[in-house]
Every structure is written in C-alpha cells, then in structure tokens.
C-alpha cells in the first residue's frame, strides 16, 4: 500500500517542523536514515528499530556486527531529547508508510515519493 499525495504532504510538513524546531534531532535522523540506506536495510526494519516493533524480519544478508552498528546509532537517536516528536510521526502513520517518511528525510520530493512503486 502506498501513501497518498495528501498523506505524503502532511508527512513533509511534520518533518519540516522538526527540521526547523529541532535541527540537531533532524540531523541525527538524517544521519541514521542515510546510514541505513548505505547498508541497504529496508526502511520498514529501520522503523521497527525506532518504534520497538518487530514487523519486518531482521536482514539476513548483513553481518550481525555491522547491523549492531546501526542499532547503536538508532539507540543514540532514541536517547535524544524530543525523539518522541519524530516517534509520533512514525506511530501516527501506517507502518507501511515508513519508506515514504525516510525518503522524504533523504530529500526526495513529494511527487517522487508518491509515484515510486519500488520503495520498501
């Protein structure tokens, strides 16, 4: 299921709010998101790490020691003041929308996110 144009627009507004009100938090969110992308970890799994859910299976193609580095970085993010502001965005949106949220964080445009059929 893919997020609608309206849903993506609201997500972008919420992310813009965080980036202006909590720039250090937003920078850390971008760092962790970029790190997960470099490791080719599914964004839904990244959302699991942040929310404490276990919907997406743990990636099997990444060594445990490398995956632990991502888990440590997510832990640093979760320990930041105001993390709950970002957590609310994740929790308020369907878990299936996590890829759209993280693509917006990485700088993808709203139209690109809505029309991208290969994100996960």
N, C-alpha and C. Protein backbone atom coordinates (compact mmCIF):
# COMPACT_ATOMS: atom_id res chain seq x y z
N UNK A 1 0.85 -1.17 0.00
CA UNK A 1 0.00 0.00 0.00
C UNK A 1 0.89 1.24 0.00
N UNK A 2 0.56 2.19 -0.83
CA UNK A 2 1.37 3.38 -0.97
C UNK A 2 0.64 4.58 -0.39
N UNK A 3 1.38 5.50 0.17
CA UNK A 3 0.81 6.69 0.79
C UNK A 3 0.24 7.60 -0.30
N UNK A 4 -0.86 8.25 0.03
CA UNK A 4 -1.49 9.18 -0.90
C UNK A 4 -0.71 10.49 -0.94
N UNK A 5 -1.01 11.29 -1.94
CA UNK A 5 -0.38 12.62 -2.08
C UNK A 5 -0.62 13.44 -0.82
N UNK A 6 -1.85 13.40 -0.30
CA UNK A 6 -2.20 14.18 0.89
C UNK A 6 -1.39 13.70 2.10
N UNK A 7 -1.29 12.39 2.27
CA UNK A 7 -0.54 11.82 3.40
C UNK A 7 0.93 12.21 3.32
N UNK A 8 1.50 12.12 2.14
CA UNK A 8 2.92 12.48 1.96
C UNK A 8 3.12 13.97 2.24
N UNK A 9 2.19 14.79 1.81
CA UNK A 9 2.29 16.24 2.05
C UNK A 9 2.27 16.53 3.56
N UNK A 10 1.39 15.87 4.28
CA UNK A 10 1.33 16.06 5.73
C UNK A 10 2.62 15.58 6.38
N UNK A 11 3.13 14.45 5.95
CA UNK A 11 4.40 13.94 6.49
C UNK A 11 5.52 14.96 6.26
N UNK A 12 5.56 15.54 5.06
CA UNK A 12 6.60 16.51 4.74
C UNK A 12 6.48 17.74 5.65
N UNK A 13 5.27 18.19 5.90
CA UNK A 13 5.07 19.33 6.80
C UNK A 13 5.56 19.01 8.21
N UNK A 14 5.26 17.80 8.68
CA UNK A 14 5.70 17.40 10.02
C UNK A 14 7.23 17.32 10.09
N UNK A 15 7.84 16.80 9.05
CA UNK A 15 9.30 16.72 9.01
C UNK A 15 9.93 18.10 8.92
N UNK A 16 9.31 19.00 8.16
CA UNK A 16 9.79 20.38 8.08
C UNK A 16 9.74 21.04 9.46
N UNK A 17 8.68 20.77 10.20
CA UNK A 17 8.55 21.31 11.56
C UNK A 17 9.72 20.84 12.43
N UNK A 18 10.00 19.54 12.39
CA UNK A 18 11.10 19.00 13.19
C UNK A 18 12.43 19.63 12.76
N UNK A 19 12.63 19.75 11.45
CA UNK A 19 13.91 20.28 10.98
C UNK A 19 14.13 21.73 11.42
N UNK A 20 13.06 22.49 11.56
CA UNK A 20 13.18 23.89 12.00
C UNK A 20 13.23 24.04 13.52
N UNK A 21 12.41 23.26 14.20
CA UNK A 21 12.32 23.38 15.66
C UNK A 21 13.40 22.59 16.41
N UNK A 22 13.84 21.49 15.84
CA UNK A 22 14.81 20.60 16.48
C UNK A 22 15.90 20.21 15.48
N UNK A 23 16.72 21.16 15.05
CA UNK A 23 17.70 20.87 13.98
C UNK A 23 18.71 19.77 14.34
N UNK A 24 19.11 19.67 15.59
CA UNK A 24 20.06 18.61 15.97
C UNK A 24 19.40 17.24 15.87
N UNK A 25 18.16 17.15 16.31
CA UNK A 25 17.42 15.90 16.20
C UNK A 25 17.27 15.52 14.73
N UNK A 26 16.88 16.48 13.92
CA UNK A 26 16.66 16.19 12.50
C UNK A 26 17.96 15.75 11.82
N UNK A 27 19.07 16.38 12.18
CA UNK A 27 20.36 15.99 11.61
C UNK A 27 20.69 14.54 11.98
N UNK A 28 20.38 14.16 13.20
CA UNK A 28 20.64 12.77 13.64
C UNK A 28 19.70 11.80 12.91
N UNK A 29 18.45 12.20 12.70
CA UNK A 29 17.51 11.37 11.94
C UNK A 29 18.03 11.16 10.52
N UNK A 30 18.52 12.23 9.90
CA UNK A 30 19.08 12.13 8.55
C UNK A 30 20.30 11.21 8.55
N UNK A 31 21.14 11.34 9.56
CA UNK A 31 22.34 10.50 9.66
C UNK A 31 21.96 9.02 9.72
N UNK A 32 21.05 8.68 10.61
CA UNK A 32 20.65 7.29 10.79
C UNK A 32 19.97 6.76 9.53
N UNK A 33 19.13 7.58 8.92
CA UNK A 33 18.44 7.17 7.69
C UNK A 33 19.44 6.92 6.57
N UNK A 34 20.39 7.81 6.42
CA UNK A 34 21.42 7.65 5.39
C UNK A 34 22.27 6.41 5.66
N UNK A 35 22.60 6.19 6.92
CA UNK A 35 23.39 5.02 7.29
C UNK A 35 22.64 3.74 6.93
N UNK A 36 21.35 3.70 7.25
CA UNK A 36 20.54 2.52 6.92
C UNK A 36 20.49 2.32 5.41
N UNK A 37 20.38 3.41 4.67
CA UNK A 37 20.36 3.30 3.22
C UNK A 37 21.67 2.73 2.70
N UNK A 38 22.79 3.20 3.25
CA UNK A 38 24.10 2.70 2.82
C UNK A 38 24.24 1.21 3.09
N UNK A 39 23.62 0.75 4.16
CA UNK A 39 23.67 -0.68 4.50
C UNK A 39 22.63 -1.48 3.72
N UNK A 40 21.77 -0.78 2.98
CA UNK A 40 20.68 -1.38 2.22
C UNK A 40 19.69 -2.11 3.12
N UNK A 41 19.44 -1.51 4.28
CA UNK A 41 18.46 -2.03 5.22
C UNK A 41 17.10 -1.48 4.82
N UNK A 42 16.09 -2.32 4.84
CA UNK A 42 14.75 -1.86 4.50
C UNK A 42 14.31 -0.79 5.49
N UNK A 43 13.63 0.21 4.96
CA UNK A 43 13.16 1.31 5.81
C UNK A 43 12.13 0.83 6.83
N UNK A 44 11.38 -0.19 6.51
CA UNK A 44 10.42 -0.72 7.48
C UNK A 44 11.15 -1.34 8.68
N UNK A 45 12.30 -1.97 8.42
CA UNK A 45 13.10 -2.52 9.51
C UNK A 45 13.67 -1.39 10.36
N UNK A 46 14.11 -0.32 9.71
CA UNK A 46 14.60 0.85 10.44
C UNK A 46 13.49 1.40 11.33
N UNK A 47 12.28 1.48 10.81
CA UNK A 47 11.14 1.94 11.61
C UNK A 47 10.92 1.01 12.80
N UNK A 48 11.07 -0.30 12.58
CA UNK A 48 10.95 -1.26 13.69
C UNK A 48 11.94 -0.95 14.80
N UNK A 49 13.19 -0.68 14.41
CA UNK A 49 14.21 -0.37 15.41
C UNK A 49 13.84 0.88 16.21
N UNK A 50 13.25 1.85 15.53
CA UNK A 50 12.91 3.10 16.20
C UNK A 50 11.66 2.99 17.06
N UNK A 51 10.71 2.19 16.64
CA UNK A 51 9.44 2.09 17.37
C UNK A 51 9.41 0.94 18.37
N UNK A 52 10.35 0.02 18.24
CA UNK A 52 10.36 -1.14 19.12
C UNK A 52 9.44 -2.25 18.64
N UNK A 53 8.87 -2.11 17.45
CA UNK A 53 8.02 -3.15 16.89
C UNK A 53 8.90 -4.18 16.19
N UNK A 54 8.31 -5.29 15.81
CA UNK A 54 9.06 -6.30 15.06
C UNK A 54 8.17 -6.85 13.95
N UNK A 55 7.91 -5.99 12.97
CA UNK A 55 7.07 -6.37 11.84
C UNK A 55 7.94 -6.92 10.71
N UNK A 56 9.01 -6.24 10.43
CA UNK A 56 9.92 -6.61 9.33
C UNK A 56 10.98 -7.56 9.88
N UNK A 57 11.29 -8.66 9.17
CA UNK A 57 12.33 -9.57 9.67
C UNK A 57 13.71 -8.91 9.63
N UNK A 58 14.56 -9.35 10.53
CA UNK A 58 15.94 -8.85 10.57
C UNK A 58 16.64 -9.22 9.26
N UNK A 59 17.39 -8.28 8.71
CA UNK A 59 18.09 -8.57 7.45
C UNK A 59 19.08 -9.72 7.64
N UNK A 60 19.03 -10.68 6.75
CA UNK A 60 19.89 -11.85 6.87
C UNK A 60 21.21 -11.69 6.11
N UNK A 61 21.27 -10.72 5.20
CA UNK A 61 22.44 -10.56 4.37
C UNK A 61 23.48 -9.62 4.96
N UNK A 62 23.22 -9.11 6.16
CA UNK A 62 24.14 -8.19 6.81
C UNK A 62 24.73 -8.89 8.04
N UNK A 63 26.04 -8.82 8.17
CA UNK A 63 26.69 -9.42 9.33
C UNK A 63 26.14 -8.80 10.60
N UNK A 64 26.02 -9.60 11.64
CA UNK A 64 25.48 -9.13 12.92
C UNK A 64 26.30 -7.96 13.48
N UNK A 65 27.60 -8.00 13.29
CA UNK A 65 28.45 -6.92 13.82
C UNK A 65 28.19 -5.60 13.09
N UNK A 66 27.87 -5.66 11.81
CA UNK A 66 27.55 -4.46 11.05
C UNK A 66 26.17 -3.95 11.42
N UNK A 67 25.23 -4.86 11.54
CA UNK A 67 23.87 -4.49 11.93
C UNK A 67 23.87 -3.87 13.33
N UNK A 68 24.75 -4.34 14.18
CA UNK A 68 24.86 -3.78 15.53
C UNK A 68 25.26 -2.31 15.48
N UNK A 69 26.07 -1.92 14.50
CA UNK A 69 26.43 -0.51 14.36
C UNK A 69 25.19 0.35 14.10
N UNK A 70 24.27 -0.14 13.27
CA UNK A 70 23.03 0.58 13.01
C UNK A 70 22.19 0.64 14.27
N UNK A 71 22.11 -0.44 14.99
CA UNK A 71 21.33 -0.49 16.23
C UNK A 71 21.88 0.52 17.24
N UNK A 72 23.19 0.63 17.33
CA UNK A 72 23.82 1.61 18.23
C UNK A 72 23.44 3.02 17.81
N UNK A 73 23.49 3.31 16.51
CA UNK A 73 23.15 4.65 16.00
C UNK A 73 21.68 4.97 16.27
N UNK A 74 20.81 3.99 16.10
CA UNK A 74 19.39 4.20 16.40
C UNK A 74 19.21 4.46 17.89
N UNK A 75 19.97 3.75 18.71
CA UNK A 75 19.92 3.98 20.16
C UNK A 75 20.31 5.40 20.53
N UNK A 76 21.33 5.92 19.88
CA UNK A 76 21.74 7.32 20.12
C UNK A 76 20.62 8.28 19.73
N UNK A 77 19.98 7.99 18.61
CA UNK A 77 18.86 8.82 18.16
C UNK A 77 17.72 8.77 19.17
N UNK A 78 17.38 7.57 19.62
CA UNK A 78 16.26 7.41 20.55
C UNK A 78 16.54 8.08 21.90
N UNK A 79 17.81 8.24 22.24
CA UNK A 79 18.18 8.86 23.51
C UNK A 79 18.14 10.39 23.44
N UNK A 80 17.99 10.94 22.26
CA UNK A 80 17.99 12.40 22.12
C UNK A 80 16.72 13.01 22.68
N UNK A 81 16.85 14.20 23.27
CA UNK A 81 15.66 14.91 23.71
C UNK A 81 14.75 15.16 22.50
N UNK A 82 13.49 15.12 22.71
CA UNK A 82 12.47 15.36 21.69
C UNK A 82 12.36 14.24 20.66
N UNK A 83 13.02 13.09 20.85
CA UNK A 83 12.86 11.99 19.90
C UNK A 83 11.39 11.62 19.75
N UNK A 84 10.64 11.76 20.83
CA UNK A 84 9.22 11.38 20.79
C UNK A 84 8.44 12.17 19.74
N UNK A 85 8.93 13.35 19.36
CA UNK A 85 8.27 14.14 18.31
C UNK A 85 8.35 13.38 16.99
N UNK A 86 9.52 12.82 16.68
CA UNK A 86 9.66 12.03 15.47
C UNK A 86 8.95 10.68 15.60
N UNK A 87 9.04 10.09 16.77
CA UNK A 87 8.37 8.81 17.01
C UNK A 87 6.87 8.93 16.76
N UNK A 88 6.30 10.07 17.12
CA UNK A 88 4.87 10.29 16.89
C UNK A 88 4.54 10.23 15.40
N UNK A 89 5.42 10.77 14.56
CA UNK A 89 5.19 10.70 13.11
C UNK A 89 5.17 9.24 12.66
N UNK A 90 6.13 8.47 13.13
CA UNK A 90 6.16 7.05 12.77
C UNK A 90 4.91 6.32 13.26
N UNK A 91 4.52 6.60 14.49
CA UNK A 91 3.37 5.90 15.07
C UNK A 91 2.04 6.36 14.48
N UNK A 92 1.95 7.63 14.08
CA UNK A 92 0.70 8.15 13.52
C UNK A 92 0.45 7.68 12.10
N UNK A 93 1.50 7.28 11.42
CA UNK A 93 1.37 6.80 10.05
C UNK A 93 1.45 5.29 10.03
N UNK A 94 0.78 4.72 9.07
CA UNK A 94 0.81 3.28 8.90
C UNK A 94 2.26 2.83 8.77
N UNK A 95 2.59 1.71 9.39
CA UNK A 95 3.96 1.20 9.32
C UNK A 95 4.41 1.02 7.87
N UNK A 96 3.47 0.75 6.99
CA UNK A 96 3.80 0.59 5.57
C UNK A 96 4.28 1.89 4.95
N UNK A 97 4.00 3.03 5.59
CA UNK A 97 4.43 4.33 5.07
C UNK A 97 5.85 4.71 5.50
N UNK A 98 6.52 3.87 6.25
CA UNK A 98 7.88 4.18 6.70
C UNK A 98 8.83 4.50 5.54
N UNK A 99 8.78 3.74 4.43
CA UNK A 99 9.69 4.10 3.33
C UNK A 99 9.47 5.52 2.82
N UNK A 100 8.23 5.94 2.74
CA UNK A 100 7.94 7.28 2.26
C UNK A 100 8.52 8.33 3.22
N UNK A 101 8.37 8.09 4.51
CA UNK A 101 8.89 9.03 5.51
C UNK A 101 10.41 9.15 5.36
N UNK A 102 11.09 8.03 5.27
CA UNK A 102 12.55 8.06 5.21
C UNK A 102 13.05 8.62 3.88
N UNK A 103 12.34 8.38 2.80
CA UNK A 103 12.74 9.00 1.53
C UNK A 103 12.60 10.52 1.59
N UNK A 104 11.55 11.01 2.23
CA UNK A 104 11.40 12.46 2.41
C UNK A 104 12.57 13.01 3.23
N UNK A 105 12.97 12.29 4.26
CA UNK A 105 14.09 12.71 5.10
C UNK A 105 15.37 12.81 4.27
N UNK A 106 15.53 11.90 3.32
CA UNK A 106 16.73 11.91 2.48
C UNK A 106 16.66 12.96 1.37
N UNK A 107 15.54 13.67 1.29
CA UNK A 107 15.45 14.76 0.34
C UNK A 107 14.64 14.51 -0.92
N UNK A 108 13.99 13.36 -1.00
CA UNK A 108 13.16 13.09 -2.18
C UNK A 108 11.96 14.03 -2.17
N UNK A 109 11.54 14.45 -3.34
CA UNK A 109 10.37 15.30 -3.46
C UNK A 109 9.09 14.53 -3.23
N UNK A 110 8.04 15.23 -2.85
CA UNK A 110 6.75 14.60 -2.58
C UNK A 110 6.24 13.81 -3.79
N UNK A 111 6.33 14.38 -4.98
CA UNK A 111 5.85 13.68 -6.18
C UNK A 111 6.63 12.40 -6.43
N UNK A 112 7.92 12.47 -6.21
CA UNK A 112 8.76 11.28 -6.39
C UNK A 112 8.36 10.19 -5.41
N UNK A 113 8.11 10.57 -4.19
CA UNK A 113 7.75 9.59 -3.15
C UNK A 113 6.40 8.95 -3.46
N UNK A 114 5.43 9.74 -3.87
CA UNK A 114 4.09 9.22 -4.15
C UNK A 114 4.12 8.29 -5.35
N UNK A 115 4.91 8.60 -6.35
CA UNK A 115 4.89 7.84 -7.61
C UNK A 115 5.95 6.74 -7.68
N UNK A 116 6.68 6.48 -6.61
CA UNK A 116 7.73 5.48 -6.60
C UNK A 116 7.15 4.13 -6.18
N UNK A 117 7.10 3.19 -7.10
CA UNK A 117 6.48 1.90 -6.81
C UNK A 117 7.47 0.86 -6.30
N UNK A 118 8.75 1.19 -6.17
CA UNK A 118 9.73 0.16 -5.78
C UNK A 118 10.31 0.40 -4.40
N UNK A 119 9.75 1.33 -3.64
CA UNK A 119 10.33 1.61 -2.33
C UNK A 119 9.91 0.57 -1.30
N UNK A 120 10.82 0.30 -0.39
CA UNK A 120 10.49 -0.56 0.74
C UNK A 120 11.45 -0.25 1.86
